[in-house]
Amino acid sequence: MARCIPLPCDEIAADYRAGYSTLSLAQRYGCSPTTVAKRLRACGITLRDSRFLPIHIAEATLRRLYLEERQPITAIAAHFGVSVSTIGNKRRSYDIPIRPRR
């Protein structure tokens, strides 16, 4: 049987509004981040968006860098300050084909 963890609304709400994450609050109270999130919602707190903020990379810019300038994805990722997988995901979402090998 799961144990009941007392999570006082006023404390966790104040800490969450001060910028603490559900993960850090969960570590403090010895429970899961899901438990903290459920308790915050029960206390009427609207949760922040996920930790990964969407990044906008213009399709035309990505096409130019990748297809015309033939920059490696690692260089494009470094240029935008994102991961290689983010660039790969953007390339696929814009239906930019994999460029042929020379």
PDB file of N, CA and C in Angstrom:
ATOM      1  N   MET A   1       0.843  -1.185   0.000  1.00  0.00           N
ATOM      2  CA  MET A   1       0.000   0.000   0.000  1.00  0.00           C
ATOM      3  C   MET A   1       0.886   1.245   0.000  1.00  0.00           C
ATOM      4  N   ALA A   2       0.505   2.230  -0.813  1.00  0.00           N
ATOM      5  CA  ALA A   2       1.293   3.458  -0.909  1.00  0.00           C
ATOM      6  C   ALA A   2       1.124   4.284   0.361  1.00  0.00           C
ATOM      7  N   ARG A   3       2.194   4.931   0.725  1.00  0.00           N
ATOM      8  CA  ARG A   3       2.107   5.767   1.924  1.00  0.00           C
ATOM      9  C   ARG A   3       1.640   7.170   1.548  1.00  0.00           C
ATOM     10  N   CYS A   4       0.934   7.767   2.424  1.00  0.00           N
ATOM     11  CA  CYS A   4       0.412   9.108   2.210  1.00  0.00           C
ATOM     12  C   CYS A   4       1.464  10.113   2.671  1.00  0.00           C
ATOM     13  N   ILE A   5       1.826  11.007   1.792  1.00  0.00           N
ATOM     14  CA  ILE A   5       2.852  11.998   2.104  1.00  0.00           C
ATOM     15  C   ILE A   5       2.170  13.349   2.270  1.00  0.00           C
ATOM     16  N   PRO A   6       2.325  13.972   3.420  1.00  0.00           N
ATOM     17  CA  PRO A   6       1.702  15.291   3.592  1.00  0.00           C
ATOM     18  C   PRO A   6       2.439  16.358   2.775  1.00  0.00           C
ATOM     19  N   LEU A   7       1.729  16.941   1.830  1.00  0.00           N
ATOM     20  CA  LEU A   7       2.288  18.011   1.008  1.00  0.00           C
ATOM     21  C   LEU A   7       1.429  19.253   1.229  1.00  0.00           C
ATOM     22  N   PRO A   8       1.864  20.131   2.114  1.00  0.00           N
ATOM     23  CA  PRO A   8       1.064  21.321   2.421  1.00  0.00           C
ATOM     24  C   PRO A   8       0.965  22.262   1.216  1.00  0.00           C
ATOM     25  N   CYS A   9      -0.262  22.556   0.833  1.00  0.00           N
ATOM     26  CA  CYS A   9      -0.508  23.411  -0.340  1.00  0.00           C
ATOM     27  C   CYS A   9       0.259  24.729  -0.293  1.00  0.00           C
ATOM     28  N   ASP A  10       0.181  25.404   0.834  1.00  0.00           N
ATOM     29  CA  ASP A  10       0.801  26.730   0.897  1.00  0.00           C
ATOM     30  C   ASP A  10       2.311  26.650   0.690  1.00  0.00           C
ATOM     31  N   GLU A  11       2.952  25.642   1.256  1.00  0.00           N
ATOM     32  CA  GLU A  11       4.413  25.511   1.113  1.00  0.00           C
ATOM     33  C   GLU A  11       4.822  25.134  -0.305  1.00  0.00           C
ATOM     34  N   ILE A  12       4.212  24.072  -0.839  1.00  0.00           N
ATOM     35  CA  ILE A  12       4.656  23.643  -2.170  1.00  0.00           C
ATOM     36  C   ILE A  12       4.255  24.657  -3.236  1.00  0.00           C
ATOM     37  N   ALA A  13       3.112  25.319  -3.066  1.00  0.00           N
ATOM     38  CA  ALA A  13       2.694  26.338  -4.028  1.00  0.00           C
ATOM     39  C   ALA A  13       3.668  27.513  -4.024  1.00  0.00           C
ATOM     40  N   ALA A  14       4.068  27.958  -2.835  1.00  0.00           N
ATOM     41  CA  ALA A  14       5.004  29.079  -2.740  1.00  0.00           C
ATOM     42  C   ALA A  14       6.354  28.714  -3.367  1.00  0.00           C
ATOM     43  N   ASP A  15       6.830  27.508  -3.055  1.00  0.00           N
ATOM     44  CA  ASP A  15       8.110  27.085  -3.623  1.00  0.00           C
ATOM     45  C   ASP A  15       8.033  26.921  -5.135  1.00  0.00           C
ATOM     46  N   TYR A  16       6.928  26.352  -5.615  1.00  0.00           N
ATOM     47  CA  TYR A  16       6.757  26.160  -7.057  1.00  0.00           C
ATOM     48  C   TYR A  16       6.696  27.509  -7.764  1.00  0.00           C
ATOM     49  N   ARG A  17       5.955  28.449  -7.187  1.00  0.00           N
ATOM     50  CA  ARG A  17       5.880  29.795  -7.782  1.00  0.00           C
ATOM     51  C   ARG A  17       7.231  30.507  -7.728  1.00  0.00           C
ATOM     52  N   ALA A  18       8.055  30.152  -6.743  1.00  0.00           N
ATOM     53  CA  ALA A  18       9.388  30.764  -6.627  1.00  0.00           C
ATOM     54  C   ALA A  18      10.367  30.172  -7.637  1.00  0.00           C
ATOM     55  N   GLY A  19       9.928  29.140  -8.372  1.00  0.00           N
ATOM     56  CA  GLY A  19      10.778  28.605  -9.425  1.00  0.00           C
ATOM     57  C   GLY A  19      11.280  27.189  -9.206  1.00  0.00           C
ATOM     58  N   TYR A  20      10.977  26.605  -8.048  1.00  0.00           N
ATOM     59  CA  TYR A  20      11.397  25.230  -7.825  1.00  0.00           C
ATOM     60  C   TYR A  20      10.628  24.309  -8.767  1.00  0.00           C
ATOM     61  N   SER A  21      11.288  23.260  -9.235  1.00  0.00           N
ATOM     62  CA  SER A  21      10.650  22.300 -10.132  1.00  0.00           C
ATOM     63  C   SER A  21       9.912  21.239  -9.338  1.00  0.00           C
ATOM     64  N   THR A  22       9.058  20.508 -10.027  1.00  0.00           N
ATOM     65  CA  THR A  22       8.379  19.395  -9.367  1.00  0.00           C
ATOM     66  C   THR A  22       9.401  18.341  -8.941  1.00  0.00           C
ATOM     67  N   LEU A  23      10.475  18.199  -9.694  1.00  0.00           N
ATOM     68  CA  LEU A  23      11.523  17.240  -9.338  1.00  0.00           C
ATOM     69  C   LEU A  23      12.206  17.638  -8.033  1.00  0.00           C
ATOM     70  N   SER A  24      12.573  18.902  -7.902  1.00  0.00           N
ATOM     71  CA  SER A  24      13.247  19.333  -6.674  1.00  0.00           C
ATOM     72  C   SER A  24      12.310  19.250  -5.466  1.00  0.00           C
ATOM     73  N   LEU A  25      11.036  19.559  -5.674  1.00  0.00           N
ATOM     74  CA  LEU A  25      10.073  19.438  -4.580  1.00  0.00           C
ATOM     75  C   LEU A  25       9.865  17.973  -4.205  1.00  0.00           C
ATOM     76  N   ALA A  26       9.841  17.106  -5.184  1.00  0.00           N
ATOM     77  CA  ALA A  26       9.687  15.670  -4.918  1.00  0.00           C
ATOM     78  C   ALA A  26      10.861  15.141  -4.109  1.00  0.00           C
ATOM     79  N   GLN A  27      12.059  15.584  -4.444  1.00  0.00           N
ATOM     80  CA  GLN A  27      13.232  15.151  -3.687  1.00  0.00           C
ATOM     81  C   GLN A  27      13.150  15.644  -2.239  1.00  0.00           C
ATOM     82  N   ARG A  28      12.683  16.843  -2.051  1.00  0.00           N
ATOM     83  CA  ARG A  28      12.564  17.414  -0.707  1.00  0.00           C
ATOM     84  C   ARG A  28      11.557  16.639   0.149  1.00  0.00           C
ATOM     85  N   TYR A  29      10.425  16.265  -0.459  1.00  0.00           N
ATOM     86  CA  TYR A  29       9.362  15.604   0.296  1.00  0.00           C
ATOM     87  C   TYR A  29       9.411  14.076   0.219  1.00  0.00           C
ATOM     88  N   GLY A  30      10.356  13.549  -0.527  1.00  0.00           N
ATOM     89  CA  GLY A  30      10.501  12.096  -0.605  1.00  0.00           C
ATOM     90  C   GLY A  30       9.373  11.402  -1.343  1.00  0.00           C
ATOM     91  N   CYS A  31       8.965  11.997  -2.452  1.00  0.00           N
ATOM     92  CA  CYS A  31       7.908  11.391  -3.261  1.00  0.00           C
ATOM     93  C   CYS A  31       8.268  11.580  -4.733  1.00  0.00           C
ATOM     94  N   SER A  32       7.363  11.219  -5.613  1.00  0.00           N
ATOM     95  CA  SER A  32       7.632  11.357  -7.043  1.00  0.00           C
ATOM     96  C   SER A  32       7.211  12.736  -7.557  1.00  0.00           C
ATOM     97  N   PRO A  33       7.810  13.181  -8.668  1.00  0.00           N
ATOM     98  CA  PRO A  33       7.381  14.440  -9.272  1.00  0.00           C
ATOM     99  C   PRO A  33       5.906  14.405  -9.684  1.00  0.00           C
ATOM    100  N   THR A  34       5.421  13.226 -10.051  1.00  0.00           N
ATOM    101  CA  THR A  34       4.005  13.086 -10.417  1.00  0.00           C
ATOM    102  C   THR A  34       3.109  13.379  -9.224  1.00  0.00           C
ATOM    103  N   THR A  35       3.519  12.899  -8.057  1.00  0.00           N
ATOM    104  CA  THR A  35       2.747  13.164  -6.837  1.00  0.00           C
ATOM    105  C   THR A  35       2.695  14.656  -6.556  1.00  0.00           C
ATOM    106  N   VAL A  36       3.830  15.322  -6.698  1.00  0.00           N
ATOM    107  CA  VAL A  36       3.884  16.774  -6.477  1.00  0.00           C
ATOM    108  C   VAL A  36       2.988  17.486  -7.481  1.00  0.00           C
ATOM    109  N   ALA A  37       3.075  17.095  -8.757  1.00  0.00           N
ATOM    110  CA  ALA A  37       2.264  17.738  -9.791  1.00  0.00           C
ATOM    111  C   ALA A  37       0.769  17.561  -9.505  1.00  0.00           C
ATOM    112  N   LYS A  38       0.382  16.351  -9.107  1.00  0.00           N
ATOM    113  CA  LYS A  38      -1.029  16.105  -8.780  1.00  0.00           C
ATOM    114  C   LYS A  38      -1.477  16.967  -7.600  1.00  0.00           C
ATOM    115  N   ARG A  39      -0.613  17.081  -6.602  1.00  0.00           N
ATOM    116  CA  ARG A  39      -0.958  17.879  -5.417  1.00  0.00           C
ATOM    117  C   ARG A  39      -1.062  19.364  -5.778  1.00  0.00           C
ATOM    118  N   LEU A  40      -0.144  19.840  -6.618  1.00  0.00           N
ATOM    119  CA  LEU A  40      -0.203  21.242  -7.049  1.00  0.00           C
ATOM    120  C   LEU A  40      -1.500  21.522  -7.796  1.00  0.00           C
ATOM    121  N   ARG A  41      -1.863  20.610  -8.692  1.00  0.00           N
ATOM    122  CA  ARG A  41      -3.134  20.780  -9.419  1.00  0.00           C
ATOM    123  C   ARG A  41      -4.311  20.780  -8.454  1.00  0.00           C
ATOM    124  N   ALA A  42      -4.272  19.869  -7.468  1.00  0.00           N
ATOM    125  CA  ALA A  42      -5.354  19.806  -6.469  1.00  0.00           C
ATOM    126  C   ALA A  42      -5.436  21.096  -5.652  1.00  0.00           C
ATOM    127  N   CYS A  43      -4.301  21.779  -5.531  1.00  0.00           N
ATOM    128  CA  CYS A  43      -4.256  23.046  -4.791  1.00  0.00           C
ATOM    129  C   CYS A  43      -4.640  24.233  -5.676  1.00  0.00           C
ATOM    130  N   GLY A  44      -4.982  23.952  -6.935  1.00  0.00           N
ATOM    131  CA  GLY A  44      -5.399  25.016  -7.844  1.00  0.00           C
ATOM    132  C   GLY A  44      -4.263  25.717  -8.552  1.00  0.00           C
ATOM    133  N   ILE A  45      -3.080  25.123  -8.553  1.00  0.00           N
ATOM    134  CA  ILE A  45      -1.917  25.722  -9.210  1.00  0.00           C
ATOM    135  C   ILE A  45      -1.841  25.223 -10.650  1.00  0.00           C
ATOM    136  N   THR A  46      -1.689  26.140 -11.595  1.00  0.00           N
ATOM    137  CA  THR A  46      -1.477  25.774 -12.988  1.00  0.00           C
ATOM    138  C   THR A  46       0.007  25.488 -13.171  1.00  0.00           C
ATOM    139  N   LEU A  47       0.304  24.314 -13.691  1.00  0.00           N
ATOM    140  CA  LEU A  47       1.703  23.927 -13.862  1.00  0.00           C
ATOM    141  C   LEU A  47       2.326  24.645 -15.051  1.00  0.00           C
ATOM    142  N   ARG A  48       3.615  24.896 -14.937  1.00  0.00           N
ATOM    143  CA  ARG A  48       4.368  25.512 -16.026  1.00  0.00           C
ATOM    144  C   ARG A  48       4.484  24.521 -17.175  1.00  0.00           C
ATOM    145  N   ASP A  49       4.838  25.035 -18.336  1.00  0.00           N
ATOM    146  CA  ASP A  49       5.095  24.166 -19.474  1.00  0.00           C
ATOM    147  C   ASP A  49       6.280  23.266 -19.157  1.00  0.00           C
ATOM    148  N   SER A  50       6.448  22.260 -19.983  1.00  0.00           N
ATOM    149  CA  SER A  50       7.531  21.310 -19.767  1.00  0.00           C
ATOM    150  C   SER A  50       8.884  22.009 -19.761  1.00  0.00           C
ATOM    151  N   ARG A  51       9.883  21.274 -19.330  1.00  0.00           N
ATOM    152  CA  ARG A  51      11.211  21.867 -19.182  1.00  0.00           C
ATOM    153  C   ARG A  51      11.845  22.222 -20.513  1.00  0.00           C
ATOM    154  N   PHE A  52      11.360  21.619 -21.615  1.00  0.00           N
ATOM    155  CA  PHE A  52      11.931  21.910 -22.916  1.00  0.00           C
ATOM    156  C   PHE A  52      11.059  22.921 -23.635  1.00  0.00           C
ATOM    157  N   LEU A  53      11.553  24.100 -23.782  1.00  0.00           N
ATOM    158  CA  LEU A  53      10.803  25.131 -24.474  1.00  0.00           C
ATOM    159  C   LEU A  53      10.931  24.924 -25.976  1.00  0.00           C
ATOM    160  N   PRO A  54       9.844  25.122 -26.713  1.00  0.00           N
ATOM    161  CA  PRO A  54       9.942  24.943 -28.161  1.00  0.00           C
ATOM    162  C   PRO A  54      10.868  25.993 -28.763  1.00  0.00           C
ATOM    163  N   ILE A  55      11.655  25.567 -29.707  1.00  0.00           N
ATOM    164  CA  ILE A  55      12.584  26.486 -30.363  1.00  0.00           C
ATOM    165  C   ILE A  55      12.119  26.695 -31.793  1.00  0.00           C
ATOM    166  N   HIS A  56      12.124  27.937 -32.231  1.00  0.00           N
ATOM    167  CA  HIS A  56      11.720  28.227 -33.609  1.00  0.00           C
ATOM    168  C   HIS A  56      12.971  28.354 -34.463  1.00  0.00           C
ATOM    169  N   ILE A  57      13.008  27.557 -35.493  1.00  0.00           N
ATOM    170  CA  ILE A  57      14.058  27.647 -36.504  1.00  0.00           C
ATOM    171  C   ILE A  57      13.324  27.750 -37.828  1.00  0.00           C
ATOM    172  N   ALA A  58      13.554  28.837 -38.536  1.00  0.00           N
ATOM    173  CA  ALA A  58      12.844  29.066 -39.795  1.00  0.00           C
ATOM    174  C   ALA A  58      13.191  27.972 -40.800  1.00  0.00           C
ATOM    175  N   GLU A  59      12.164  27.486 -41.472  1.00  0.00           N
ATOM    176  CA  GLU A  59      12.370  26.417 -42.454  1.00  0.00           C
ATOM    177  C   GLU A  59      13.341  26.850 -43.539  1.00  0.00           C
ATOM    178  N   ALA A  60      13.192  28.079 -44.031  1.00  0.00           N
ATOM    179  CA  ALA A  60      14.062  28.555 -45.106  1.00  0.00           C
ATOM    180  C   ALA A  60      15.527  28.590 -44.657  1.00  0.00           C
ATOM    181  N   THR A  61      15.749  28.992 -43.418  1.00  0.00           N
ATOM    182  CA  THR A  61      17.118  29.051 -42.889  1.00  0.00           C
ATOM    183  C   THR A  61      17.698  27.646 -42.767  1.00  0.00           C
ATOM    184  N   LEU A  62      16.922  26.724 -42.250  1.00  0.00           N
ATOM    185  CA  LEU A  62      17.407  25.359 -42.111  1.00  0.00           C
ATOM    186  C   LEU A  62      17.683  24.740 -43.473  1.00  0.00           C
ATOM    187  N   ARG A  63      16.801  24.967 -44.440  1.00  0.00           N
ATOM    188  CA  ARG A  63      17.026  24.451 -45.796  1.00  0.00           C
ATOM    189  C   ARG A  63      18.313  25.011 -46.384  1.00  0.00           C
ATOM    190  N   ARG A  64      18.527  26.318 -46.208  1.00  0.00           N
ATOM    191  CA  ARG A  64      19.718  26.952 -46.759  1.00  0.00           C
ATOM    192  C   ARG A  64      20.984  26.381 -46.135  1.00  0.00           C
ATOM    193  N   LEU A  65      21.014  26.318 -44.809  1.00  0.00           N
ATOM    194  CA  LEU A  65      22.211  25.821 -44.121  1.00  0.00           C
ATOM    195  C   LEU A  65      22.488  24.356 -44.447  1.00  0.00           C
ATOM    196  N   TYR A  66      21.435  23.559 -44.506  1.00  0.00           N
ATOM    197  CA  TYR A  66      21.605  22.121 -44.674  1.00  0.00           C
ATOM    198  C   TYR A  66      21.779  21.722 -46.146  1.00  0.00           C
ATOM    199  N   LEU A  67      20.910  22.229 -47.031  1.00  0.00           N
ATOM    200  CA  LEU A  67      20.951  21.796 -48.427  1.00  0.00           C
ATOM    201  C   LEU A  67      21.876  22.638 -49.304  1.00  0.00           C
ATOM    202  N   GLU A  68      21.820  23.952 -49.157  1.00  0.00           N
ATOM    203  CA  GLU A  68      22.607  24.814 -50.034  1.00  0.00           C
ATOM    204  C   GLU A  68      24.051  24.955 -49.549  1.00  0.00           C
ATOM    205  N   GLU A  69      24.220  25.310 -48.270  1.00  0.00           N
ATOM    206  CA  GLU A  69      25.569  25.487 -47.738  1.00  0.00           C
ATOM    207  C   GLU A  69      26.203  24.168 -47.322  1.00  0.00           C
ATOM    208  N   ARG A  70      25.394  23.102 -47.234  1.00  0.00           N
ATOM    209  CA  ARG A  70      25.849  21.750 -46.908  1.00  0.00           C
ATOM    210  C   ARG A  70      26.617  21.691 -45.582  1.00  0.00           C
ATOM    211  N   GLN A  71      26.154  22.484 -44.618  1.00  0.00           N
ATOM    212  CA  GLN A  71      26.779  22.451 -43.298  1.00  0.00           C
ATOM    213  C   GLN A  71      26.397  21.164 -42.592  1.00  0.00           C
ATOM    214  N   PRO A  72      27.306  20.607 -41.807  1.00  0.00           N
ATOM    215  CA  PRO A  72      26.955  19.416 -41.031  1.00  0.00           C
ATOM    216  C   PRO A  72      25.897  19.765 -39.972  1.00  0.00           C
ATOM    217  N   ILE A  73      25.094  18.781 -39.646  1.00  0.00           N
ATOM    218  CA  ILE A  73      24.045  19.003 -38.649  1.00  0.00           C
ATOM    219  C   ILE A  73      24.651  19.451 -37.324  1.00  0.00           C
ATOM    220  N   THR A  74      25.828  18.948 -36.987  1.00  0.00           N
ATOM    221  CA  THR A  74      26.467  19.366 -35.731  1.00  0.00           C
ATOM    222  C   THR A  74      26.769  20.857 -35.740  1.00  0.00           C
ATOM    223  N   ALA A  75      27.184  21.386 -36.883  1.00  0.00           N
ATOM    224  CA  ALA A  75      27.481  22.817 -36.988  1.00  0.00           C
ATOM    225  C   ALA A  75      26.190  23.637 -36.917  1.00  0.00           C
ATOM    226  N   ILE A  76      25.145  23.137 -37.545  1.00  0.00           N
ATOM    227  CA  ILE A  76      23.852  23.840 -37.516  1.00  0.00           C
ATOM    228  C   ILE A  76      23.317  23.861 -36.082  1.00  0.00           C
ATOM    229  N   ALA A  77      23.435  22.737 -35.401  1.00  0.00           N
ATOM    230  CA  ALA A  77      22.976  22.656 -34.008  1.00  0.00           C
ATOM    231  C   ALA A  77      23.750  23.633 -33.131  1.00  0.00           C
ATOM    232  N   ALA A  78      25.062  23.702 -33.315  1.00  0.00           N
ATOM    233  CA  ALA A  78      25.885  24.629 -32.533  1.00  0.00           C
ATOM    234  C   ALA A  78      25.496  26.079 -32.838  1.00  0.00           C
ATOM    235  N   HIS A  79      25.207  26.363 -34.093  1.00  0.00           N
ATOM    236  CA  HIS A  79      24.805  27.719 -34.495  1.00  0.00           C
ATOM    237  C   HIS A  79      23.547  28.167 -33.745  1.00  0.00           C
ATOM    238  N   PHE A  80      22.570  27.259 -33.612  1.00  0.00           N
ATOM    239  CA  PHE A  80      21.310  27.592 -32.949  1.00  0.00           C
ATOM    240  C   PHE A  80      21.335  27.318 -31.450  1.00  0.00           C
ATOM    241  N   GLY A  81      22.393  26.677 -30.958  1.00  0.00           N
ATOM    242  CA  GLY A  81      22.483  26.373 -29.538  1.00  0.00           C
ATOM    243  C   GLY A  81      21.516  25.289 -29.100  1.00  0.00           C
ATOM    244  N   VAL A  82      21.294  24.308 -29.965  1.00  0.00           N
ATOM    245  CA  VAL A  82      20.389  23.202 -29.666  1.00  0.00           C
ATOM    246  C   VAL A  82      21.119  21.886 -29.905  1.00  0.00           C
ATOM    247  N   SER A  83      20.446  20.783 -29.622  1.00  0.00           N
ATOM    248  CA  SER A  83      21.061  19.474 -29.831  1.00  0.00           C
ATOM    249  C   SER A  83      20.942  19.052 -31.296  1.00  0.00           C
ATOM    250  N   VAL A  84      21.761  18.088 -31.656  1.00  0.00           N
ATOM    251  CA  VAL A  84      21.734  17.531 -32.999  1.00  0.00           C
ATOM    252  C   VAL A  84      20.365  16.906 -33.279  1.00  0.00           C
ATOM    253  N   SER A  85      19.801  16.247 -32.278  1.00  0.00           N
ATOM    254  CA  SER A  85      18.493  15.618 -32.483  1.00  0.00           C
ATOM    255  C   SER A  85      17.402  16.660 -32.737  1.00  0.00           C
ATOM    256  N   THR A  86      17.526  17.839 -32.142  1.00  0.00           N
ATOM    257  CA  THR A  86      16.544  18.900 -32.400  1.00  0.00           C
ATOM    258  C   THR A  86      16.582  19.306 -33.865  1.00  0.00           C
ATOM    259  N   ILE A  87      17.782  19.446 -34.410  1.00  0.00           N
ATOM    260  CA  ILE A  87      17.915  19.802 -35.825  1.00  0.00           C
ATOM    261  C   ILE A  87      17.357  18.682 -36.698  1.00  0.00           C
ATOM    262  N   GLY A  88      17.662  17.442 -36.346  1.00  0.00           N
ATOM    263  CA  GLY A  88      17.115  16.315 -37.101  1.00  0.00           C
ATOM    264  C   GLY A  88      15.590  16.286 -37.056  1.00  0.00           C
ATOM    265  N   ASN A  89      15.034  16.554 -35.894  1.00  0.00           N
ATOM    266  CA  ASN A  89      13.574  16.584 -35.758  1.00  0.00           C
ATOM    267  C   ASN A  89      12.965  17.712 -36.586  1.00  0.00           C
ATOM    268  N   LYS A  90      13.597  18.883 -36.569  1.00  0.00           N
ATOM    269  CA  LYS A  90      13.103  20.013 -37.361  1.00  0.00           C
ATOM    270  C   LYS A  90      13.197  19.686 -38.853  1.00  0.00           C
ATOM    271  N   ARG A  91      14.312  19.072 -39.279  1.00  0.00           N
ATOM    272  CA  ARG A  91      14.495  18.715 -40.681  1.00  0.00           C
ATOM    273  C   ARG A  91      13.361  17.794 -41.130  1.00  0.00           C
ATOM    274  N   ARG A  92      13.058  16.787 -40.323  1.00  0.00           N
ATOM    275  CA  ARG A  92      11.982  15.857 -40.664  1.00  0.00           C
ATOM    276  C   ARG A  92      10.619  16.551 -40.654  1.00  0.00           C
ATOM    277  N   SER A  93      10.386  17.427 -39.682  1.00  0.00           N
ATOM    278  CA  SER A  93       9.078  18.094 -39.606  1.00  0.00           C
ATOM    279  C   SER A  93       8.848  19.020 -40.793  1.00  0.00           C
ATOM    280  N   TYR A  94       9.921  19.551 -41.371  1.00  0.00           N
ATOM    281  CA  TYR A  94       9.818  20.417 -42.550  1.00  0.00           C
ATOM    282  C   TYR A  94       9.916  19.629 -43.851  1.00  0.00           C
ATOM    283  N   ASP A  95       9.986  18.303 -43.750  1.00  0.00           N
ATOM    284  CA  ASP A  95      10.129  17.436 -44.937  1.00  0.00           C
ATOM    285  C   ASP A  95      11.341  17.802 -45.775  1.00  0.00           C
ATOM    286  N   ILE A  96      12.416  18.156 -45.114  1.00  0.00           N
ATOM    287  CA  ILE A  96      13.676  18.432 -45.812  1.00  0.00           C
ATOM    288  C   ILE A  96      14.353  17.080 -46.014  1.00  0.00           C
ATOM    289  N   PRO A  97      14.632  16.723 -47.263  1.00  0.00           N
ATOM    290  CA  PRO A  97      15.199  15.399 -47.509  1.00  0.00           C
ATOM    291  C   PRO A  97      16.639  15.298 -46.998  1.00  0.00           C
ATOM    292  N   ILE A  98      17.031  14.063 -46.708  1.00  0.00           N
ATOM    293  CA  ILE A  98      18.436  13.820 -46.367  1.00  0.00           C
ATOM    294  C   ILE A  98      19.239  14.109 -47.616  1.00  0.00           C
ATOM    295  N   ARG A  99      20.262  14.886 -47.488  1.00  0.00           N
ATOM    296  CA  ARG A  99      21.031  15.240 -48.681  1.00  0.00           C
ATOM    297  C   ARG A  99      21.880  14.035 -49.108  1.00  0.00           C
ATOM    298  N   PRO A 100      22.084  13.911 -50.416  1.00  0.00           N
ATOM    299  CA  PRO A 100      22.874  12.785 -50.917  1.00  0.00           C
ATOM    300  C   PRO A 100      24.350  12.955 -50.535  1.00  0.00           C
ATOM    301  N   ARG A 101      24.996  11.823 -50.342  1.00  0.00           N
ATOM    302  CA  ARG A 101      26.448  11.872 -50.054  1.00  0.00           C
ATOM    303  C   ARG A 101      27.185  12.208 -51.319  1.00  0.00           C
ATOM    304  N   ARG A 102      28.295  12.887 -51.181  1.00  0.00           N
ATOM    305  CA  ARG A 102      29.092  13.243 -52.373  1.00  0.00           C
ATOM    306  C   ARG A 102      30.052  12.149 -52.676  1.00  0.00           C
TER     307      ARG A 102
END
